[in-house]
């Protein structure tokens, strides 16, 4: 999947890049935000985001900051610990 990391630090998180990469952040008032795969499974979307965070992508780090605690826990349970530096 092509990474078009054209994120600028002063931008607010939006899903336009995520949609190009085949995933999105789904917002649910009751359960909070979670990562959802569009072009592939949710688990594959998690792995993609985790891999990009590991590479230092600020865009993907911001996506993690959007997630509910429950979703973040599930992602780390499946993909391993993910640190999100202060950006």
C-alpha atoms as a PDB file:
ATOM      1  CA  UNK A   1       0.000   0.000   0.000  1.00  0.00           C
ATOM      2  CA  UNK A   2       1.463   3.339  -1.021  1.00  0.00           C
ATOM      3  CA  UNK A   3       2.213   5.752   1.804  1.00  0.00           C
ATOM      4  CA  UNK A   4       1.489   9.311   0.751  1.00  0.00           C
ATOM      5  CA  UNK A   5       2.611  10.876   4.002  1.00  0.00           C
ATOM      6  CA  UNK A   6       2.015  14.520   3.136  1.00  0.00           C
ATOM      7  CA  UNK A   7       0.858  15.345   6.676  1.00  0.00           C
ATOM      8  CA  UNK A   8       1.768  18.728   8.108  1.00  0.00           C
ATOM      9  CA  UNK A   9       2.114  18.964  11.893  1.00  0.00           C
ATOM     10  CA  UNK A  10      -0.202  21.983  12.118  1.00  0.00           C
ATOM     11  CA  UNK A  11      -3.039  20.086  10.396  1.00  0.00           C
ATOM     12  CA  UNK A  12      -5.845  18.528  12.409  1.00  0.00           C
ATOM     13  CA  UNK A  13      -6.399  14.818  11.871  1.00  0.00           C
ATOM     14  CA  UNK A  14      -8.612  14.023   8.921  1.00  0.00           C
ATOM     15  CA  UNK A  15      -9.215  10.708   7.221  1.00  0.00           C
ATOM     16  CA  UNK A  16      -8.357  11.706   3.646  1.00  0.00           C
ATOM     17  CA  UNK A  17      -4.901  10.080   3.737  1.00  0.00           C
ATOM     18  CA  UNK A  18      -6.271   7.073   5.604  1.00  0.00           C
ATOM     19  CA  UNK A  19      -8.901   6.537   2.931  1.00  0.00           C
ATOM     20  CA  UNK A  20      -6.178   6.600   0.249  1.00  0.00           C
ATOM     21  CA  UNK A  21      -4.370   3.905   2.249  1.00  0.00           C
ATOM     22  CA  UNK A  22      -7.486   1.730   2.606  1.00  0.00           C
ATOM     23  CA  UNK A  23      -8.519   2.387   6.215  1.00  0.00           C
ATOM     24  CA  UNK A  24     -10.402   4.934   8.288  1.00  0.00           C
ATOM     25  CA  UNK A  25     -11.125   6.004  11.840  1.00  0.00           C
ATOM     26  CA  UNK A  26     -14.747   5.253  12.673  1.00  0.00           C
ATOM     27  CA  UNK A  27     -16.333   7.385  15.373  1.00  0.00           C
ATOM     28  CA  UNK A  28     -19.036   5.890  17.611  1.00  0.00           C
ATOM     29  CA  UNK A  29     -20.512   8.011  20.394  1.00  0.00           C
ATOM     30  CA  UNK A  30     -20.996   4.983  22.645  1.00  0.00           C
ATOM     31  CA  UNK A  31     -17.732   3.091  22.073  1.00  0.00           C
ATOM     32  CA  UNK A  32     -15.306   5.781  20.911  1.00  0.00           C
ATOM     33  CA  UNK A  33     -13.106   5.834  17.829  1.00  0.00           C
ATOM     34  CA  UNK A  34     -11.645   2.740  16.218  1.00  0.00           C
ATOM     35  CA  UNK A  35      -9.609   1.851  13.148  1.00  0.00           C
ATOM     36  CA  UNK A  36     -11.565   0.135  10.391  1.00  0.00           C
ATOM     37  CA  UNK A  37     -10.192  -1.452   7.248  1.00  0.00           C
ATOM     38  CA  UNK A  38     -11.844  -0.507   3.970  1.00  0.00           C
ATOM     39  CA  UNK A  39      -9.604  -2.173   1.379  1.00  0.00           C
ATOM     40  CA  UNK A  40      -8.675  -4.984   3.787  1.00  0.00           C
ATOM     41  CA  UNK A  41      -9.555  -6.373   7.231  1.00  0.00           C
ATOM     42  CA  UNK A  42      -9.559  -4.335  10.429  1.00  0.00           C
ATOM     43  CA  UNK A  43      -6.603  -6.365  11.704  1.00  0.00           C
ATOM     44  CA  UNK A  44      -4.624  -5.599   8.541  1.00  0.00           C
ATOM     45  CA  UNK A  45      -5.494  -1.912   8.994  1.00  0.00           C
ATOM     46  CA  UNK A  46      -4.204  -2.083  12.572  1.00  0.00           C
ATOM     47  CA  UNK A  47      -0.946  -3.653  11.366  1.00  0.00           C
ATOM     48  CA  UNK A  48      -0.569  -0.974   8.705  1.00  0.00           C
ATOM     49  CA  UNK A  49      -1.051   1.861  11.208  1.00  0.00           C
ATOM     50  CA  UNK A  50       1.246   0.198  13.761  1.00  0.00           C
ATOM     51  CA  UNK A  51       3.967  -0.249  11.129  1.00  0.00           C
ATOM     52  CA  UNK A  52       3.726   3.393  10.061  1.00  0.00           C
ATOM     53  CA  UNK A  53       3.858   4.580  13.688  1.00  0.00           C
ATOM     54  CA  UNK A  54       6.999   2.514  14.167  1.00  0.00           C
ATOM     55  CA  UNK A  55       8.482   4.279  11.114  1.00  0.00           C
ATOM     56  CA  UNK A  56       7.745   7.630  12.767  1.00  0.00           C
ATOM     57  CA  UNK A  57       4.706   8.807  10.794  1.00  0.00           C
ATOM     58  CA  UNK A  58       3.117  11.736  12.622  1.00  0.00           C
ATOM     59  CA  UNK A  59      -0.127  11.205  10.715  1.00  0.00           C
ATOM     60  CA  UNK A  60      -0.482   7.647  11.989  1.00  0.00           C
ATOM     61  CA  UNK A  61       0.518   8.720  15.503  1.00  0.00           C
ATOM     62  CA  UNK A  62      -2.342  11.222  15.431  1.00  0.00           C
ATOM     63  CA  UNK A  63      -4.691   8.437  14.324  1.00  0.00           C
ATOM     64  CA  UNK A  64      -3.725   6.495  17.458  1.00  0.00           C
ATOM     65  CA  UNK A  65      -4.487   9.514  19.612  1.00  0.00           C
ATOM     66  CA  UNK A  66      -8.052   9.454  18.236  1.00  0.00           C
ATOM     67  CA  UNK A  67      -8.707   5.901  19.429  1.00  0.00           C
ATOM     68  CA  UNK A  68     -10.697   4.859  22.453  1.00  0.00           C
ATOM     69  CA  UNK A  69      -8.734   3.172  25.233  1.00  0.00           C
ATOM     70  CA  UNK A  70     -10.473  -0.109  24.410  1.00  0.00           C
ATOM     71  CA  UNK A  71      -9.458   0.068  20.742  1.00  0.00           C
ATOM     72  CA  UNK A  72      -5.899   1.065  21.603  1.00  0.00           C
ATOM     73  CA  UNK A  73      -5.665  -1.898  23.996  1.00  0.00           C
ATOM     74  CA  UNK A  74      -6.967  -4.308  21.330  1.00  0.00           C
ATOM     75  CA  UNK A  75      -4.522  -2.930  18.756  1.00  0.00           C
ATOM     76  CA  UNK A  76      -1.564  -3.307  21.131  1.00  0.00           C
ATOM     77  CA  UNK A  77      -2.709  -6.788  22.154  1.00  0.00           C
ATOM     78  CA  UNK A  78      -2.625  -7.885  18.505  1.00  0.00           C
ATOM     79  CA  UNK A  79       0.240  -5.771  17.142  1.00  0.00           C
ATOM     80  CA  UNK A  80       2.453  -5.231  20.183  1.00  0.00           C
ATOM     81  CA  UNK A  81       3.176  -2.117  22.250  1.00  0.00           C
ATOM     82  CA  UNK A  82       2.981   1.114  20.309  1.00  0.00           C
ATOM     83  CA  UNK A  83       4.443   4.283  21.706  1.00  0.00           C
ATOM     84  CA  UNK A  84       3.045   7.616  20.669  1.00  0.00           C
ATOM     85  CA  UNK A  85       5.572  10.402  21.266  1.00  0.00           C
ATOM     86  CA  UNK A  86       4.411  13.916  21.986  1.00  0.00           C
ATOM     87  CA  UNK A  87       3.908  15.509  18.586  1.00  0.00           C
END
